[in-house]
Protein backbone atom coordinates (compact mmCIF):
# COMPACT_ATOMS: atom_id res chain seq x y z
CA MET A 1 0.00 0.00 0.00
CA GLU A 2 1.35 3.39 -0.96
CA ASN A 3 0.11 5.06 2.23
CA ASN A 4 1.74 2.47 4.47
CA PRO A 5 4.55 4.26 6.37
CA ILE A 6 6.01 1.00 7.67
CA ARG A 7 9.20 0.18 5.82
CA PHE A 8 12.22 -1.57 7.29
CA GLY A 9 15.49 0.36 6.79
CA THR A 10 19.00 -0.73 7.74
CA ASP A 11 17.67 -2.10 11.03
CA GLY A 12 13.90 -2.28 11.38
CA TRP A 13 11.25 0.43 11.16
CA ARG A 14 11.36 3.78 12.94
CA GLY A 15 8.82 6.56 13.13
CA VAL A 16 7.88 9.69 15.04
CA ILE A 17 5.85 8.80 18.14
CA ALA A 18 2.11 9.52 17.74
CA GLU A 19 2.61 10.54 14.10
CA ASP A 20 3.75 7.33 12.37
CA PHE A 21 4.75 5.31 15.40
CA THR A 22 1.30 4.55 16.81
CA PHE A 23 -0.19 1.61 18.69
CA ASP A 24 -2.13 0.62 15.57
CA ASN A 25 1.02 0.54 13.45
CA VAL A 26 2.95 -1.42 16.10
CA ARG A 27 0.10 -3.94 16.12
CA PHE A 28 0.23 -4.17 12.31
CA CYS A 29 3.98 -4.81 12.58
CA ALA A 30 3.43 -7.53 15.16
CA GLN A 31 0.72 -9.14 13.00
CA GLY A 32 3.13 -9.11 10.06
CA VAL A 33 5.76 -10.84 12.21
CA ALA A 34 3.23 -13.42 13.42
CA ASP A 35 2.14 -14.22 9.84
CA TYR A 36 5.76 -14.44 8.72
CA LEU A 37 6.66 -16.86 11.55
CA LYS A 38 3.65 -19.05 10.70
CA GLN A 39 4.61 -19.08 7.03
CA LYS A 40 8.20 -20.07 7.88
CA GLY A 41 7.19 -22.78 10.35
CA LEU A 42 8.82 -20.91 13.23
CA ALA A 43 5.68 -19.99 15.20
CA ASN A 44 5.98 -22.98 17.54
CA ARG A 45 9.32 -21.65 18.82
CA GLY A 46 7.82 -18.46 20.23
CA VAL A 47 8.99 -14.83 20.31
CA TYR A 48 11.13 -12.91 22.81
CA ILE A 49 10.20 -9.23 23.23
CA GLY A 50 12.18 -6.43 24.85
CA TYR A 51 12.04 -2.65 24.88
CA ASP A 52 14.13 0.43 25.63
CA ARG A 53 13.61 3.47 27.88
CA ARG A 54 11.85 5.68 25.35
CA PHE A 55 8.42 7.21 25.86
CA ALA A 56 5.77 4.43 26.14
CA SER A 57 8.16 1.70 24.91
CA GLU A 58 6.86 -0.63 27.63
CA ASP A 59 3.28 -0.10 26.42
CA PHE A 60 4.22 -0.56 22.75
CA ALA A 61 5.99 -3.81 23.70
CA ALA A 62 2.89 -5.00 25.55
CA ALA A 63 0.75 -4.20 22.48
CA ALA A 64 3.11 -6.26 20.29
CA ALA A 65 2.99 -9.12 22.82
CA GLU A 66 -0.82 -9.08 22.78
CA VAL A 67 -0.84 -9.51 19.00
CA ILE A 68 1.78 -12.28 18.95
CA ALA A 69 -0.12 -14.14 21.71
CA GLY A 70 -3.40 -13.44 19.91
CA ASN A 71 -2.00 -15.47 17.03
CA ASP A 72 -1.42 -18.43 19.42
CA ILE A 73 2.35 -17.86 19.41
CA LYS A 74 3.99 -18.00 22.82
CA VAL A 75 5.62 -14.78 24.01
CA ALA A 76 8.40 -14.21 26.52
CA LEU A 77 8.27 -10.53 27.48
CA SER A 78 11.02 -8.74 29.37
CA PRO A 79 9.66 -7.28 32.63
CA LYS A 80 11.95 -4.25 32.30
CA ALA A 81 13.74 -2.10 29.72
CA ILE A 82 16.75 -4.00 28.34
CA PRO A 83 19.54 -3.52 25.77
CA THR A 84 18.76 -4.71 22.24
CA PRO A 85 21.73 -7.15 22.43
CA LEU A 86 19.84 -8.85 25.26
CA VAL A 87 16.91 -9.42 22.87
CA SER A 88 19.30 -11.08 20.40
CA PHE A 89 20.76 -13.10 23.28
CA GLY A 90 17.23 -14.08 24.36
CA VAL A 91 16.34 -15.36 20.90
CA ILE A 92 19.48 -17.51 20.79
CA ASN A 93 19.20 -18.57 24.44
CA LYS A 94 15.53 -19.65 24.18
CA LYS A 95 15.89 -20.97 20.60
CA ALA A 96 12.96 -18.67 19.74
CA GLY A 97 11.56 -18.20 16.26
CA GLY A 98 12.40 -14.52 16.43
CA GLY A 99 12.61 -11.45 18.64
CA ILE A 100 11.13 -7.97 18.77
CA ALA A 101 12.83 -4.92 20.26
CA ILE A 102 10.86 -1.71 20.69
CA THR A 103 13.59 0.90 20.25
CA ALA A 104 14.75 3.71 18.01
CA SER A 105 18.36 3.12 18.98
CA HIS A 106 20.27 6.43 18.67
CA ASN A 107 17.45 8.52 17.13
CA PRO A 108 16.22 11.72 18.86
CA ALA A 109 13.65 11.44 21.66
CA LYS A 110 10.54 11.93 19.51
CA TRP A 111 11.28 8.70 17.61
CA ASN A 112 10.60 5.10 18.45
CA GLY A 113 11.07 1.92 16.46
CA PHE A 114 10.34 -1.75 15.89
CA LYS A 115 13.31 -4.07 15.33
CA PHE A 116 12.87 -7.72 14.42
CA ARG A 117 15.53 -10.32 15.19
CA GLU A 118 15.67 -13.52 13.16
CA GLU A 119 15.99 -16.96 14.78
CA THR A 120 19.80 -16.56 14.61
CA GLY A 121 19.50 -13.45 16.83
CA THR A 122 20.63 -11.25 13.93
CA SER A 123 19.20 -8.14 12.30
CA VAL A 124 16.49 -8.80 9.78
CA SER A 125 17.82 -9.47 6.25
CA SER A 126 16.56 -7.48 3.25
CA GLU A 127 14.69 -10.57 1.99
CA THR A 128 13.02 -11.21 5.36
CA ALA A 129 12.19 -7.51 5.72
CA LEU A 130 10.36 -7.56 2.37
CA GLU A 131 8.39 -10.65 3.38
CA ILE A 132 7.38 -9.11 6.71
CA GLU A 133 6.43 -5.85 4.95
CA LYS A 134 4.11 -7.80 2.61
CA HIS A 135 2.41 -9.39 5.60
CA ILE A 136 2.11 -5.94 7.24
CA ASP A 137 0.61 -4.51 4.02
CA HIS A 138 -1.93 -7.35 4.03
CA ALA A 139 -2.83 -6.75 7.68
CA ILE A 140 -3.33 -3.02 6.97
CA SER A 141 -5.36 -3.55 3.77
CA THR A 142 -7.66 -6.12 5.42
CA ASN A 143 -7.53 -4.35 8.82
CA LYS A 144 -7.20 -7.75 10.46
CA ILE A 145 -5.26 -8.05 13.69
CA LYS A 146 -5.59 -10.96 16.11
CA THR A 147 -5.06 -9.78 19.64
CA ILE A 148 -5.66 -10.87 23.23
CA PRO A 149 -5.36 -8.77 26.42
CA LEU A 150 -1.99 -9.37 28.09
CA THR A 151 -3.64 -10.43 31.37
CA GLN A 152 -5.52 -13.18 29.52
CA ALA A 153 -2.42 -14.21 27.59
CA LEU A 154 -0.54 -14.56 30.90
CA GLU A 155 -3.40 -16.60 32.42
CA LYS A 156 -3.52 -18.90 29.38
CA LYS A 157 0.27 -19.35 29.48
CA LEU A 158 0.54 -17.82 26.01
CA ALA A 159 2.72 -15.12 27.55
CA GLU A 160 5.24 -14.99 30.37
CA TYR A 161 7.52 -12.37 31.86
CA LEU A 162 11.13 -13.46 31.47
CA ASP A 163 14.19 -11.59 32.76
CA LEU A 164 17.28 -12.95 31.03
CA THR A 165 19.64 -10.29 32.41
CA PRO A 166 21.42 -12.68 34.84
CA ASP A 167 21.97 -15.26 32.06
CA TYR A 168 23.23 -12.56 29.71
CA LEU A 169 25.64 -11.07 32.26
CA ASN A 170 26.94 -14.54 33.08
CA SER A 171 27.56 -15.22 29.38
CA VAL A 172 29.37 -11.90 28.80
CA SER A 173 31.45 -12.43 31.96
CA LYS A 174 32.96 -15.58 30.47
CA LEU A 175 34.44 -13.68 27.49
CA VAL A 176 37.24 -12.23 29.67
CA GLU A 177 38.96 -12.93 32.99
CA LEU A 178 36.43 -10.71 34.70
CA ASP A 179 37.80 -11.00 38.22
CA LYS A 180 41.16 -9.66 37.01
CA LEU A 181 39.42 -6.81 35.18
CA ARG A 182 37.44 -5.95 38.32
CA HIS A 183 40.71 -5.61 40.21
CA ALA A 184 42.56 -3.56 37.57
CA GLY A 185 42.48 -0.48 39.82
CA LEU A 186 41.10 1.71 37.02
CA LYS A 187 38.99 4.84 37.20
CA ILE A 188 36.27 4.35 34.58
CA ALA A 189 33.75 7.01 33.52
CA VAL A 190 30.53 5.70 31.99
CA ASP A 191 27.78 7.50 30.05
CA PRO A 192 24.76 5.36 29.09
CA MET A 193 23.18 8.51 27.56
CA PHE A 194 19.91 7.99 29.51
CA GLY A 195 19.52 4.67 27.67
CA VAL A 196 19.18 1.02 28.68
CA GLY A 197 22.94 0.60 29.15
CA ALA A 198 22.67 2.23 32.59
CA GLY A 199 24.24 0.11 35.32
CA TYR A 200 25.68 -2.65 33.12
CA PHE A 201 29.35 -1.62 33.12
CA LYS A 202 29.06 -0.90 36.85
CA THR A 203 27.73 -4.43 37.40
CA LEU A 204 30.35 -6.03 35.16
CA LEU A 205 33.43 -4.05 36.23
CA GLY A 206 32.53 -2.96 39.76
CA GLY A 207 32.94 -4.83 43.03
CA GLY A 208 36.74 -4.81 42.98
CA THR A 209 39.39 -2.08 42.94
CA ASN A 210 37.96 -0.15 40.00
CA GLN A 211 36.15 3.13 40.54
CA ILE A 212 33.10 3.40 38.24
CA MET A 213 31.56 6.85 37.76
CA GLU A 214 28.28 6.90 35.83
CA ILE A 215 26.51 9.96 34.45
CA ASN A 216 23.19 10.27 32.59
CA GLY A 217 22.09 6.95 34.11
CA GLU A 218 18.65 8.04 35.26
CA LEU A 219 15.46 7.33 33.31
CA ASN A 220 14.63 10.34 31.11
CA PRO A 221 12.98 9.63 27.74
CA ALA A 222 13.68 13.23 26.63
CA PHE A 223 17.46 12.54 26.48
CA PRO A 224 17.99 16.14 27.67
CA GLY A 225 20.74 17.99 25.88
CA ILE A 226 21.85 15.08 23.68
CA ASN A 227 20.86 12.59 21.05
CA PRO A 228 21.68 9.14 22.47
CA GLU A 229 24.34 8.47 19.84
CA PRO A 230 27.87 7.91 21.22
CA ILE A 231 29.77 10.31 18.96
CA ALA A 232 32.05 13.19 19.94
CA ILE A 233 29.46 15.99 19.75
CA ASN A 234 27.19 14.17 22.24
CA LEU A 235 29.92 13.13 24.68
CA LYS A 236 31.28 16.49 25.86
CA LYS A 237 30.04 15.88 29.41
CA LEU A 238 31.79 12.50 29.50
CA SER A 239 35.00 14.02 28.08
CA SER A 240 34.96 16.70 30.80
CA LEU A 241 34.37 14.07 33.49
CA VAL A 242 37.33 12.00 32.28
CA VAL A 243 39.63 15.05 32.39
CA GLU A 244 38.32 16.42 35.72
CA GLN A 245 38.48 13.07 37.52
CA ARG A 246 41.66 11.94 35.74
CA ALA A 247 39.84 8.78 34.65
CA ASN A 248 41.67 6.09 32.68
CA ILE A 249 38.88 5.78 30.09
CA GLY A 250 35.34 6.89 29.26
CA LEU A 251 32.76 4.41 27.95
CA ALA A 252 29.46 5.47 26.35
CA THR A 253 26.56 3.37 25.07
CA ASP A 254 23.82 4.49 22.71
CA GLY A 255 20.07 4.45 23.46
CA ASP A 256 19.67 0.68 23.11
CA ALA A 257 23.28 -0.20 24.08
CA ASP A 258 24.34 -2.07 20.97
CA ARG A 259 26.93 0.58 20.09
CA ILE A 260 29.88 1.99 22.04
CA GLY A 261 31.84 5.22 22.10
CA ILE A 262 35.23 5.55 23.79
CA ILE A 263 36.94 8.60 25.30
CA ASP A 264 40.68 8.32 25.93
CA GLU A 265 42.46 9.39 29.14
CA LYS A 266 43.01 12.90 27.71
CA GLY A 267 39.29 13.43 27.09
CA GLN A 268 39.64 12.87 23.33
CA PHE A 269 37.04 10.85 21.44
CA LEU A 270 38.40 7.79 19.66
CA THR A 271 36.56 7.42 16.36
CA GLN A 272 34.53 4.28 15.77
CA LEU A 273 36.99 3.27 13.05
CA GLN A 274 39.93 3.54 15.45
CA VAL A 275 38.06 1.51 18.08
CA PHE A 276 37.15 -1.19 15.53
CA ALA A 277 40.78 -1.55 14.47
CA ILE A 278 42.01 -1.56 18.09
CA LEU A 279 39.53 -4.32 18.98
CA ALA A 280 40.58 -6.36 15.94
CA LEU A 281 44.24 -5.91 16.91
CA TYR A 282 43.45 -7.05 20.46
CA LEU A 283 41.81 -10.26 19.24
CA LEU A 284 44.59 -10.98 16.74
CA GLU A 285 47.63 -10.06 18.80
CA ILE A 286 46.77 -10.25 22.51
CA ARG A 287 44.43 -13.25 22.30
CA GLY A 288 46.23 -14.82 19.35
CA GLU A 289 42.94 -15.63 17.63
CA ARG A 290 42.59 -16.01 13.89
CA GLY A 291 39.55 -15.67 11.66
CA THR A 292 37.83 -13.56 9.05
CA LEU A 293 37.38 -9.83 9.68
CA VAL A 294 34.14 -8.29 8.37
CA ARG A 295 33.62 -4.58 7.84
CA ALA A 296 30.99 -2.36 6.28
CA ILE A 297 31.86 -0.27 3.22
CA SER A 298 31.88 2.86 5.43
CA SER A 299 34.36 1.41 7.89
CA THR A 300 38.12 1.50 8.11
CA SER A 301 40.78 0.32 5.67
CA MET A 302 42.93 -0.33 8.77
CA ILE A 303 41.06 -3.65 8.96
CA ASP A 304 42.39 -4.56 5.49
CA ARG A 305 45.93 -3.74 6.65
CA LEU A 306 45.52 -5.91 9.76
CA GLY A 307 44.23 -8.69 7.50
CA GLU A 308 47.45 -8.46 5.49
CA ILE A 309 49.70 -8.38 8.57
CA TYR A 310 48.04 -11.30 10.35
CA LYS A 311 47.20 -13.20 7.14
CA VAL A 312 43.45 -13.40 7.68
CA PRO A 313 40.71 -12.70 5.10
CA VAL A 314 38.70 -9.47 5.12
CA PHE A 315 35.14 -9.19 3.79
CA GLU A 316 33.47 -5.89 2.91
CA THR A 317 29.67 -5.46 3.00
CA PRO A 318 27.10 -2.69 2.45
CA VAL A 319 26.19 -0.63 5.54
CA GLY A 320 24.11 -2.39 8.18
CA PHE A 321 24.56 -5.39 10.41
CA LYS A 322 21.93 -7.21 8.36
CA TYR A 323 24.73 -7.57 5.76
CA ILE A 324 27.56 -8.15 8.24
CA ALA A 325 25.86 -10.83 10.38
CA PRO A 326 25.35 -13.40 7.59
CA VAL A 327 29.08 -13.18 6.74
CA ILE A 328 29.97 -13.58 10.43
CA LEU A 329 27.81 -16.72 10.56
CA LYS A 330 29.01 -18.18 7.27
CA GLN A 331 32.71 -17.48 7.86
CA ASN A 332 32.68 -17.97 11.66
CA ALA A 333 34.31 -14.54 11.60
CA LEU A 334 36.43 -13.23 14.45
CA ILE A 335 34.86 -9.77 14.49
CA GLY A 336 32.39 -7.79 12.42
CA GLY A 337 32.09 -4.02 12.67
CA GLU A 338 30.50 -0.94 11.22
CA GLU A 339 31.30 2.74 11.20
CA SER A 340 28.52 3.60 13.64
CA GLY A 341 30.29 1.90 16.56
CA GLY A 342 28.61 -1.51 16.50
CA TYR A 343 30.81 -4.61 16.78
CA GLY A 344 29.95 -8.31 16.95
CA PHE A 345 32.31 -11.02 18.18
CA ARG A 346 32.91 -14.73 17.66
CA GLY A 347 32.11 -16.74 20.77
CA HIS A 348 29.39 -14.26 21.78
CA MET A 349 26.82 -13.61 19.07
CA PRO A 350 26.77 -12.38 15.47
CA GLU A 351 25.20 -9.06 16.43
CA ARG A 352 26.35 -5.71 17.80
CA ASP A 353 26.91 -5.46 21.53
CA ALA A 354 28.55 -2.58 23.42
CA PHE A 355 29.45 -4.54 26.54
CA PRO A 356 31.92 -7.13 25.20
CA ALA A 357 33.49 -4.30 23.16
CA GLY A 358 34.06 -2.28 26.33
CA LEU A 359 35.41 -5.27 28.27
CA TYR A 360 37.79 -6.22 25.44
CA PHE A 361 39.10 -2.65 25.19
CA ILE A 362 39.80 -2.51 28.93
CA ASP A 363 41.39 -5.97 28.82
CA PHE A 364 43.71 -4.68 26.06
CA MET A 365 44.71 -1.79 28.36
CA MET A 366 45.30 -4.13 31.30
CA LYS A 367 47.27 -6.75 29.34
CA THR A 368 49.61 -4.15 27.77
CA GLY A 369 49.70 -1.51 30.51
CA LYS A 370 48.86 1.07 27.84
CA THR A 371 46.42 3.99 28.01
CA PRO A 372 43.75 4.33 25.27
CA SER A 373 45.85 6.96 23.42
CA GLN A 374 48.88 4.69 23.64
CA LEU A 375 46.84 1.80 22.22
CA LEU A 376 46.00 4.05 19.27
CA ASP A 377 49.70 4.84 18.80
CA TYR A 378 50.44 1.12 18.98
CA LEU A 379 47.85 0.46 16.27
CA TYR A 380 49.32 3.24 14.09
CA SER A 381 52.81 1.76 14.52
CA LYS A 382 51.48 -1.27 12.67
CA VAL A 383 49.04 0.15 10.09
CA GLY A 384 50.08 3.80 9.69
CA GLU A 385 48.11 6.89 10.70
CA HIS A 386 44.47 7.03 9.59
CA TYR A 387 42.10 9.94 10.17
CA TYR A 388 38.35 9.86 9.66
CA HIS A 389 35.24 11.99 9.96
CA ARG A 390 31.62 11.92 8.84
CA ILE A 391 29.13 14.70 8.30
CA ASP A 392 25.35 14.22 8.20
CA LEU A 393 23.31 16.65 6.14
CA HIS A 394 19.52 16.87 5.99
CA PHE A 395 18.06 17.21 2.51
CA PRO A 396 14.53 17.55 1.06
CA PRO A 397 13.47 13.95 0.19
CA GLU A 398 12.24 15.08 -3.25
CA GLN A 399 15.85 16.09 -4.10
CA ARG A 400 17.18 12.54 -3.71
CA GLN A 401 17.23 11.67 -7.42
CA ASN A 402 18.74 15.04 -8.34
CA ILE A 403 21.62 14.40 -5.91
CA ILE A 404 22.22 10.93 -7.39
CA THR A 405 22.17 12.32 -10.93
CA ARG A 406 24.57 15.13 -9.99
CA ILE A 407 27.11 12.68 -8.51
CA CYS A 408 26.81 10.28 -11.46
CA GLU A 409 27.32 13.03 -14.04
CA ASN A 410 30.27 14.62 -12.20
CA SER A 411 32.16 11.58 -10.89
CA PRO A 412 35.80 12.69 -10.47
CA ARG A 413 38.82 10.93 -11.99
CA SER A 414 41.02 12.41 -9.28
CA ILE A 415 40.49 14.22 -5.97
CA GLY A 416 43.13 16.68 -4.81
CA ASN A 417 45.58 15.48 -7.48
CA VAL A 418 45.27 11.85 -6.32
CA LYS A 419 43.83 9.42 -8.86
CA VAL A 420 40.48 7.70 -8.21
CA ILE A 421 41.29 4.02 -8.84
CA LYS A 422 37.85 2.57 -8.08
CA ILE A 423 34.23 3.70 -7.68
CA ASP A 424 32.05 1.33 -5.63
CA THR A 425 28.29 1.87 -6.01
CA ARG A 426 26.94 -1.05 -3.95
CA ASP A 427 25.83 1.32 -1.19
CA GLY A 428 26.10 4.93 -2.24
CA PHE A 429 29.20 6.22 -4.04
CA LYS A 430 32.60 5.24 -2.66
CA PHE A 431 35.64 6.79 -4.33
CA ILE A 432 38.83 4.86 -3.54
CA LEU A 433 42.05 6.77 -4.20
CA ALA A 434 45.47 5.54 -5.26
CA ASP A 435 46.92 6.17 -1.78
CA ASN A 436 44.14 4.10 -0.05
CA SER A 437 42.24 7.20 1.08
CA TRP A 438 38.50 7.01 0.42
CA LEU A 439 35.40 9.20 0.22
CA LEU A 440 31.87 7.81 0.58
CA ILE A 441 28.55 9.56 -0.11
CA ARG A 442 25.40 7.61 0.81
CA PHE A 443 21.85 8.11 2.00
CA SER A 444 20.73 7.07 5.48
CA GLY A 445 18.46 4.01 5.43
CA THR A 446 16.19 5.41 8.15
CA GLU A 447 16.13 9.24 7.84
CA PRO A 448 16.19 11.96 5.10
CA ILE A 449 19.92 12.44 5.66
CA ILE A 450 22.89 12.22 3.31
CA ARG A 451 26.10 11.05 4.97
CA ILE A 452 29.58 11.98 3.71
CA TYR A 453 32.48 9.95 5.11
CA THR A 454 36.20 9.95 4.51
CA GLU A 455 39.35 8.28 5.81
CA THR A 456 42.78 9.56 4.87
CA ASP A 457 46.29 10.29 6.18
CA SER A 458 45.90 13.70 7.88
CA PRO A 459 43.20 15.69 9.75
CA GLU A 460 43.59 18.59 7.27
CA ARG A 461 42.97 16.32 4.32
CA VAL A 462 39.87 14.90 6.02
CA GLN A 463 38.29 18.37 5.92
CA ARG A 464 39.27 18.92 2.26
CA LEU A 465 37.81 15.57 1.18
CA LEU A 466 34.56 16.16 3.10
CA GLN A 467 34.18 19.58 1.49
CA PHE A 468 34.79 18.02 -1.93
CA GLY A 469 32.09 15.43 -1.20
CA ARG A 470 29.66 18.10 -0.11
CA GLU A 471 30.23 20.11 -3.31
CA LEU A 472 29.90 16.98 -5.44
CA ALA A 473 26.53 16.11 -3.86
CA GLY A 474 25.42 19.76 -3.95
CA VAL A 475 24.17 19.79 -0.34
């Protein structure tokens, strides 16, 4: 249906609360999921449902549960707001047919969203998303939703409240020598950005000689003063705290805690590309593990260099963990990562999770005795210096085709006197230069935003390449 606003982007469907994101539309989504699970023969395995701390998320989750149960599919519903990685964990742990997370991740406060997790615990694939959308379209066009009040569903044992937090924390704890980490004597600043990550690092890393200082941990769906996205512009308060308290590191999680941001001991933000490469180096060198590395097209070429050094294959995918996760599963990959700060790990699950990423980073510090900035220097000593930045620009949606046409008709053969040796158009326009620098222009999968990214060998050149990209796109 043309007037159906429900379309799954890079990771589920998001909408403005009370405008597009309504109880009716959430119910249509849940009906689409129920019909999909029946069609695939997965309905008998049930569904695990969780939700974040956004406005009315708990009520939207209950509405989804009522529809799933109304279709005679058993529901396990989290009794509290939980990280999206815990939903993925729940699907795997309970061998469920799928999972639903009510969250808009890092979006501003007026947004909410509906994420579906496949039976592997991973983000919904493009093919699955299309199938679910067809079922949603059918539910909307026929206006047919099967639903049952949650109280009745609980009485009939079609629904249950299930808190898997202890199981999840136990599982994550086994990824590192947690007792040693708890007694590392570190001062750790934490910013969950008013999201569901509040308290988790304190639980994991506290109780020993570490000092954990948490800010923005209270429940506040307005996310006052910030968007819950762990990037430099939103982490000024955390940076100041690290400097003032002379903390060893700052850790930030986004609204649904599947992504991480890291502040070094000087209060400087480490880019997501730097963190990805540092985590890969930790797994390869400190833990001596070997396996495929998977990165999105917008992520760092430092991963390719590490692949060469440690003689492991590197796979590149379009943006989104729905593309990364299948490669992780197929290749039993060591790590998969994307430019937004989401990383998945072998031995945990093939989906983004901020908490193992934070534990691994701190373990790297402890095992080497290096500060975060020294770990970056150590990485650069192996792969060379890499600098990166991204700008996000809003554009009128009706201009989308004009922007595409403009880029196609003016594709450069060189940028700043360096030859363009390859143009990759799988996901936007990626210009790869002869010196391994790159410039990427692509549209967001969830918002009317054009993103311009670059990675090159100096901060000054980063700004020149971004400006070139902006002029090329005409935004």
